[in-house]
PDB file of N, CA and C in Angstrom:
ATOM      1  N   MET A   1       7.349   4.561  -1.871  1.00  0.00           N
ATOM      2  CA  MET A   1       8.502   5.281  -2.315  1.00  0.00           C
ATOM      3  C   MET A   1       9.535   5.251  -1.193  1.00  0.00           C
ATOM      4  N   LEU A   2      10.787   5.214  -1.594  1.00  0.00           N
ATOM      5  CA  LEU A   2      11.852   5.101  -0.606  1.00  0.00           C
ATOM      6  C   LEU A   2      12.713   6.355  -0.557  1.00  0.00           C
ATOM      7  N   GLN A   3      13.207   6.619   0.626  1.00  0.00           N
ATOM      8  CA  GLN A   3      14.164   7.698   0.834  1.00  0.00           C
ATOM      9  C   GLN A   3      15.284   7.106   1.672  1.00  0.00           C
ATOM     10  N   ASN A   4      16.486   7.060   1.128  1.00  0.00           N
ATOM     11  CA  ASN A   4      17.619   6.422   1.803  1.00  0.00           C
ATOM     12  C   ASN A   4      17.318   4.976   2.173  1.00  0.00           C
ATOM     13  N   GLY A   5      16.565   4.284   1.309  1.00  0.00           N
ATOM     14  CA  GLY A   5      16.255   2.879   1.532  1.00  0.00           C
ATOM     15  C   GLY A   5      15.127   2.614   2.509  1.00  0.00           C
ATOM     16  N   HIS A   6      14.434   3.650   2.967  1.00  0.00           N
ATOM     17  CA  HIS A   6      13.356   3.484   3.942  1.00  0.00           C
ATOM     18  C   HIS A   6      12.050   4.057   3.398  1.00  0.00           C
ATOM     19  N   ALA A   7      10.933   3.449   3.781  1.00  0.00           N
ATOM     20  CA  ALA A   7       9.617   3.952   3.383  1.00  0.00           C
ATOM     21  C   ALA A   7       9.391   5.333   3.980  1.00  0.00           C
ATOM     22  N   ILE A   8       8.670   6.185   3.258  1.00  0.00           N
ATOM     23  CA  ILE A   8       8.408   7.552   3.703  1.00  0.00           C
ATOM     24  C   ILE A   8       7.014   7.612   4.333  1.00  0.00           C
ATOM     25  N   PRO A   9       6.915   7.773   5.643  1.00  0.00           N
ATOM     26  CA  PRO A   9       5.589   7.862   6.270  1.00  0.00           C
ATOM     27  C   PRO A   9       4.932   9.209   5.963  1.00  0.00           C
ATOM     28  N   ILE A  10       3.607   9.210   5.916  1.00  0.00           N
ATOM     29  CA  ILE A  10       2.816  10.418   5.710  1.00  0.00           C
ATOM     30  C   ILE A  10       2.152  10.752   7.039  1.00  0.00           C
ATOM     31  N   ALA A  11       2.142  12.007   7.412  1.00  0.00           N
ATOM     32  CA  ALA A  11       1.502  12.410   8.667  1.00  0.00           C
ATOM     33  C   ALA A  11       0.022  12.047   8.633  1.00  0.00           C
ATOM     34  N   ASN A  12      -0.481  11.490   9.729  1.00  0.00           N
ATOM     35  CA  ASN A  12      -1.883  11.104   9.841  1.00  0.00           C
ATOM     36  C   ASN A  12      -2.664  12.279  10.408  1.00  0.00           C
ATOM     37  N   THR A  13      -3.434  12.950   9.560  1.00  0.00           N
ATOM     38  CA  THR A  13      -4.236  14.084  10.012  1.00  0.00           C
ATOM     39  C   THR A  13      -5.710  13.720  10.146  1.00  0.00           C
ATOM     40  N   ALA A  14      -6.034  12.455   9.918  1.00  0.00           N
ATOM     41  CA  ALA A  14      -7.428  12.008  10.028  1.00  0.00           C
ATOM     42  C   ALA A  14      -7.862  12.001  11.492  1.00  0.00           C
ATOM     43  N   ASN A  15      -9.134  12.166  11.716  1.00  0.00           N
ATOM     44  CA  ASN A  15      -9.682  12.150  13.079  1.00  0.00           C
ATOM     45  C   ASN A  15     -10.033  10.720  13.482  1.00  0.00           C
ATOM     46  N   ASN A  16      -9.022   9.883  13.569  1.00  0.00           N
ATOM     47  CA  ASN A  16      -9.221   8.499  14.015  1.00  0.00           C
ATOM     48  C   ASN A  16      -8.122   8.166  15.016  1.00  0.00           C
ATOM     49  N   ASN A  17      -8.029   6.910  15.380  1.00  0.00           N
ATOM     50  CA  ASN A  17      -7.017   6.551  16.389  1.00  0.00           C
ATOM     51  C   ASN A  17      -5.610   6.741  15.824  1.00  0.00           C
ATOM     52  N   ASN A  18      -4.643   6.729  16.659  1.00  0.00           N
ATOM     53  CA  ASN A  18      -3.255   6.963  16.246  1.00  0.00           C
ATOM     54  C   ASN A  18      -2.524   5.687  15.871  1.00  0.00           C
ATOM     55  N   ASN A  19      -3.265   4.587  15.631  1.00  0.00           N
ATOM     56  CA  ASN A  19      -2.639   3.320  15.269  1.00  0.00           C
ATOM     57  C   ASN A  19      -2.438   3.162  13.773  1.00  0.00           C
ATOM     58  N   ASN A  20      -2.863   4.141  12.969  1.00  0.00           N
ATOM     59  CA  ASN A  20      -2.722   4.059  11.520  1.00  0.00           C
ATOM     60  C   ASN A  20      -1.417   4.695  11.083  1.00  0.00           C
ATOM     61  N   VAL A  21      -0.804   4.071  10.068  1.00  0.00           N
ATOM     62  CA  VAL A  21       0.393   4.635   9.466  1.00  0.00           C
ATOM     63  C   VAL A  21       0.195   4.575   7.958  1.00  0.00           C
ATOM     64  N   PHE A  22       0.464   5.683   7.274  1.00  0.00           N
ATOM     65  CA  PHE A  22       0.325   5.752   5.832  1.00  0.00           C
ATOM     66  C   PHE A  22       1.684   6.041   5.220  1.00  0.00           C
ATOM     67  N   TYR A  23       1.929   5.496   4.001  1.00  0.00           N
ATOM     68  CA  TYR A  23       3.212   5.656   3.337  1.00  0.00           C
ATOM     69  C   TYR A  23       3.013   6.135   1.913  1.00  0.00           C
ATOM     70  N   GLU A  24       4.004   6.864   1.393  1.00  0.00           N
ATOM     71  CA  GLU A  24       4.010   7.259  -0.010  1.00  0.00           C
ATOM     72  C   GLU A  24       3.993   5.993  -0.865  1.00  0.00           C
ATOM     73  N   ALA A  25       3.312   6.053  -2.004  1.00  0.00           N
ATOM     74  CA  ALA A  25       3.256   4.900  -2.896  1.00  0.00           C
ATOM     75  C   ALA A  25       2.935   5.344  -4.310  1.00  0.00           C
ATOM     76  N   ASN A  26       3.206   4.478  -5.253  1.00  0.00           N
ATOM     77  CA  ASN A  26       2.807   4.700  -6.633  1.00  0.00           C
ATOM     78  C   ASN A  26       1.451   4.054  -6.852  1.00  0.00           C
ATOM     79  N   GLY A  27       0.627   4.621  -7.712  1.00  0.00           N
ATOM     80  CA  GLY A  27      -0.680   4.061  -7.989  1.00  0.00           C
ATOM     81  C   GLY A  27      -1.762   4.832  -7.266  1.00  0.00           C
ATOM     82  N   SER A  28      -2.972   4.336  -7.369  1.00  0.00           N
ATOM     83  CA  SER A  28      -4.099   5.011  -6.731  1.00  0.00           C
ATOM     84  C   SER A  28      -5.164   3.995  -6.360  1.00  0.00           C
ATOM     85  N   TYR A  29      -6.085   4.421  -5.520  1.00  0.00           N
ATOM     86  CA  TYR A  29      -7.200   3.581  -5.075  1.00  0.00           C
ATOM     87  C   TYR A  29      -8.443   3.936  -5.879  1.00  0.00           C
ATOM     88  N   SER A  30      -9.227   2.942  -6.204  1.00  0.00           N
ATOM     89  CA  SER A  30     -10.540   3.149  -6.815  1.00  0.00           C
ATOM     90  C   SER A  30     -11.399   1.950  -6.445  1.00  0.00           C
ATOM     91  N   PRO A  31     -12.705   2.015  -6.659  1.00  0.00           N
ATOM     92  CA  PRO A  31     -13.549   0.848  -6.367  1.00  0.00           C
ATOM     93  C   PRO A  31     -13.144  -0.388  -7.174  1.00  0.00           C
ATOM     94  N   LEU A  32     -12.467  -0.194  -8.300  1.00  0.00           N
ATOM     95  CA  LEU A  32     -12.035  -1.328  -9.124  1.00  0.00           C
ATOM     96  C   LEU A  32     -10.603  -1.758  -8.828  1.00  0.00           C
ATOM     97  N   THR A  33      -9.838  -0.911  -8.175  1.00  0.00           N
ATOM     98  CA  THR A  33      -8.458  -1.242  -7.807  1.00  0.00           C
ATOM     99  C   THR A  33      -8.312  -1.018  -6.312  1.00  0.00           C
ATOM    100  N   THR A  34      -8.653  -2.031  -5.541  1.00  0.00           N
ATOM    101  CA  THR A  34      -8.598  -1.934  -4.085  1.00  0.00           C
ATOM    102  C   THR A  34      -7.257  -2.451  -3.573  1.00  0.00           C
ATOM    103  N   CYS A  35      -7.036  -2.328  -2.293  1.00  0.00           N
ATOM    104  CA  CYS A  35      -5.793  -2.827  -1.704  1.00  0.00           C
ATOM    105  C   CYS A  35      -5.675  -4.342  -1.888  1.00  0.00           C
ATOM    106  N   ASN A  36      -6.802  -5.055  -1.895  1.00  0.00           N
ATOM    107  CA  ASN A  36      -6.748  -6.503  -2.108  1.00  0.00           C
ATOM    108  C   ASN A  36      -6.247  -6.834  -3.509  1.00  0.00           C
ATOM    109  N   GLY A  37      -6.726  -6.114  -4.505  1.00  0.00           N
ATOM    110  CA  GLY A  37      -6.276  -6.340  -5.877  1.00  0.00           C
ATOM    111  C   GLY A  37      -4.813  -5.983  -6.048  1.00  0.00           C
ATOM    112  N   TRP A  38      -4.398  -4.865  -5.462  1.00  0.00           N
ATOM    113  CA  TRP A  38      -3.008  -4.429  -5.547  1.00  0.00           C
ATOM    114  C   TRP A  38      -2.089  -5.463  -4.892  1.00  0.00           C
ATOM    115  N   THR A  39      -2.477  -5.938  -3.717  1.00  0.00           N
ATOM    116  CA  THR A  39      -1.664  -6.925  -3.001  1.00  0.00           C
ATOM    117  C   THR A  39      -1.569  -8.216  -3.797  1.00  0.00           C
ATOM    118  N   ASN A  40      -2.710  -8.694  -4.321  1.00  0.00           N
ATOM    119  CA  ASN A  40      -2.715  -9.935  -5.094  1.00  0.00           C
ATOM    120  C   ASN A  40      -1.841  -9.811  -6.336  1.00  0.00           C
ATOM    121  N   ARG A  41      -1.937  -8.695  -7.048  1.00  0.00           N
ATOM    122  CA  ARG A  41      -1.140  -8.476  -8.252  1.00  0.00           C
ATOM    123  C   ARG A  41       0.349  -8.496  -7.915  1.00  0.00           C
ATOM    124  N   ASN A  42       0.740  -7.864  -6.828  1.00  0.00           N
ATOM    125  CA  ASN A  42       2.153  -7.829  -6.462  1.00  0.00           C
ATOM    126  C   ASN A  42       2.654  -9.170  -5.945  1.00  0.00           C
ATOM    127  N   LEU A  43       1.797  -9.939  -5.286  1.00  0.00           N
ATOM    128  CA  LEU A  43       2.190 -11.305  -4.896  1.00  0.00           C
ATOM    129  C   LEU A  43       2.471 -12.129  -6.146  1.00  0.00           C
ATOM    130  N   LYS A  44       1.583 -12.033  -7.143  1.00  0.00           N
ATOM    131  CA  LYS A  44       1.797 -12.760  -8.410  1.00  0.00           C
ATOM    132  C   LYS A  44       3.092 -12.320  -9.075  1.00  0.00           C
ATOM    133  N   ASN A  45       3.330 -11.004  -9.141  1.00  0.00           N
ATOM    134  CA  ASN A  45       4.526 -10.477  -9.791  1.00  0.00           C
ATOM    135  C   ASN A  45       5.803 -10.929  -9.080  1.00  0.00           C
ATOM    136  N   SER A  46       5.727 -11.172  -7.778  1.00  0.00           N
ATOM    137  CA  SER A  46       6.914 -11.587  -7.032  1.00  0.00           C
ATOM    138  C   SER A  46       7.141 -13.095  -7.069  1.00  0.00           C
ATOM    139  N   GLY A  47       6.148 -13.834  -7.607  1.00  0.00           N
ATOM    140  CA  GLY A  47       6.285 -15.281  -7.672  1.00  0.00           C
ATOM    141  C   GLY A  47       5.754 -16.001  -6.444  1.00  0.00           C
ATOM    142  N   LEU A  48       5.170 -15.254  -5.497  1.00  0.00           N
ATOM    143  CA  LEU A  48       4.605 -15.862  -4.299  1.00  0.00           C
ATOM    144  C   LEU A  48       3.194 -16.362  -4.587  1.00  0.00           C
ATOM    145  N   PRO A  49       2.674 -17.292  -3.777  1.00  0.00           N
ATOM    146  CA  PRO A  49       1.316 -17.793  -3.979  1.00  0.00           C
ATOM    147  C   PRO A  49       0.303 -16.654  -3.907  1.00  0.00           C
ATOM    148  N   ALA A  50      -0.674 -16.686  -4.823  1.00  0.00           N
ATOM    149  CA  ALA A  50      -1.708 -15.654  -4.877  1.00  0.00           C
ATOM    150  C   ALA A  50      -2.986 -16.258  -5.440  1.00  0.00           C
ATOM    151  N   VAL A  51      -4.062 -15.523  -5.335  1.00  0.00           N
ATOM    152  CA  VAL A  51      -5.341 -15.944  -5.892  1.00  0.00           C
ATOM    153  C   VAL A  51      -5.234 -15.905  -7.409  1.00  0.00           C
ATOM    154  N   VAL A  52      -5.884 -16.835  -8.065  1.00  0.00           N
ATOM    155  CA  VAL A  52      -5.832 -16.917  -9.536  1.00  0.00           C
ATOM    156  C   VAL A  52      -6.418 -15.686 -10.173  1.00  0.00           C
TER     157      VAL A  52
END
């Protein structure tokens, strides 16, 4: 999601290193819809090379 044309970061409250950055987004994660599937679907939708 964008605010003034920029991605909206979410505060990282997890107990891990500070190298992670999270952003607002549409959709959700599940074992059947992983980040790999989401990325591949959006590559296809944009016309860029993607897995079949």
